[in-house]
């Protein structure tokens, strides 16, 4: 009788335990499904906000372009490798081409040497925060996108923009500034030109030795080395990407939109990397991405995802590097397309693993969908050697 009672108790205990475990599983799975639904809803909201982000960029660009055209007849604005700044009333334009090493100042109407000197002193001594604040296009975009719910912003740092290139030092006192500007004035030329709207402008232009531009690389060495170590990347690779993306123009921008040294696109690189960095995807404001430390952190985190996650199935590290470099420019789907004609990554990886690194490189150079990406892969791959001993 005791045995029967004991058996019944055990059976009942097992039954209760089974029911409790099933209840537990049901609750856990239900919670997981709810978490998934919440995350998917969050992602949809972020995507909607990025569409709003792009709309703001388009609106502000068109507004800014109209303002420039009203005074100059043609539009010239900041690009990936060129910094263009207008004064408050749009009658003075200052330009530095980081790739060609050309500094240019244009003034609508007549301007004597003394006025050009004052404009140059102001231009070459600016830090990035000042430059960002004076840029009507960027500051307007930043002000509006900051109102979006899922946008992360930051203060733009006070990194000097041109002083390291022109003077070989980050900070210059007044005496060195005046001396440096005098040298630029002696080396450059002053002339007048007719604008397309019929107005005349006074132009000063001077060429800076190309090697001077690469001084900027040393300015970012601490950030590059730290983030490269964190994400298990070669510092030379990161420098080669910055060189190719922006030529070390800290105010680089492109219409995608993409911002800063490593040309971060808020939706793709920015969103994917921010999930890794902050635990969930967010959109990144221009001010956040014009902070050099933030930009390099996001760019290296995104390259980590490409190399160690998206292309982790590629066995040869050299082949994987070529694929990740191309994907940084065009996305993993277009890299897959070069091998399979489709965006199916797993199928592409199987083919990549059957090829030598040289064959992978040659296939990408021949068959990547966009010429820009083919040239990008060539440039980054060849520039890595430049920075091995920086």
Foldseek 3Di string as FASTA:
>chain_A
DVVVVVVVVVVVVVVVVVVVVVVVVVVVVVVVVVVVVVQVVVVVLQVVLVVVLLVLLVVLVVVVQVQLCVAFVHDDAFALQKHWAAAPNRQKIWIAGLQQQKTKIKGFDDDDPVRVLVVQLVVQQAFPLVRQVRHSSQVSSQVVSVPRDQEDADAADRFGQHCCLQPVDRHDDPVVSSVSSVVQQVQWDWDKDAGPVGTIMIMIMHGGPNVSSCSLVVVCVVLLVVLCVVLVHDSLLLSLQLCLRRVNRLAHADSVTFGGSNGHDQPPLVQVLCCVVPVHGGGYGNSQCSRSSSVSNSLSSSLSCQQCPLLVLQDDSLLSVLQSQLCSPVNQQLLLCLQPVGRDSVVSSVVSNVDDSVVSLVSCLPRRPDPVSNVSSVSSVVSSVVPNPD
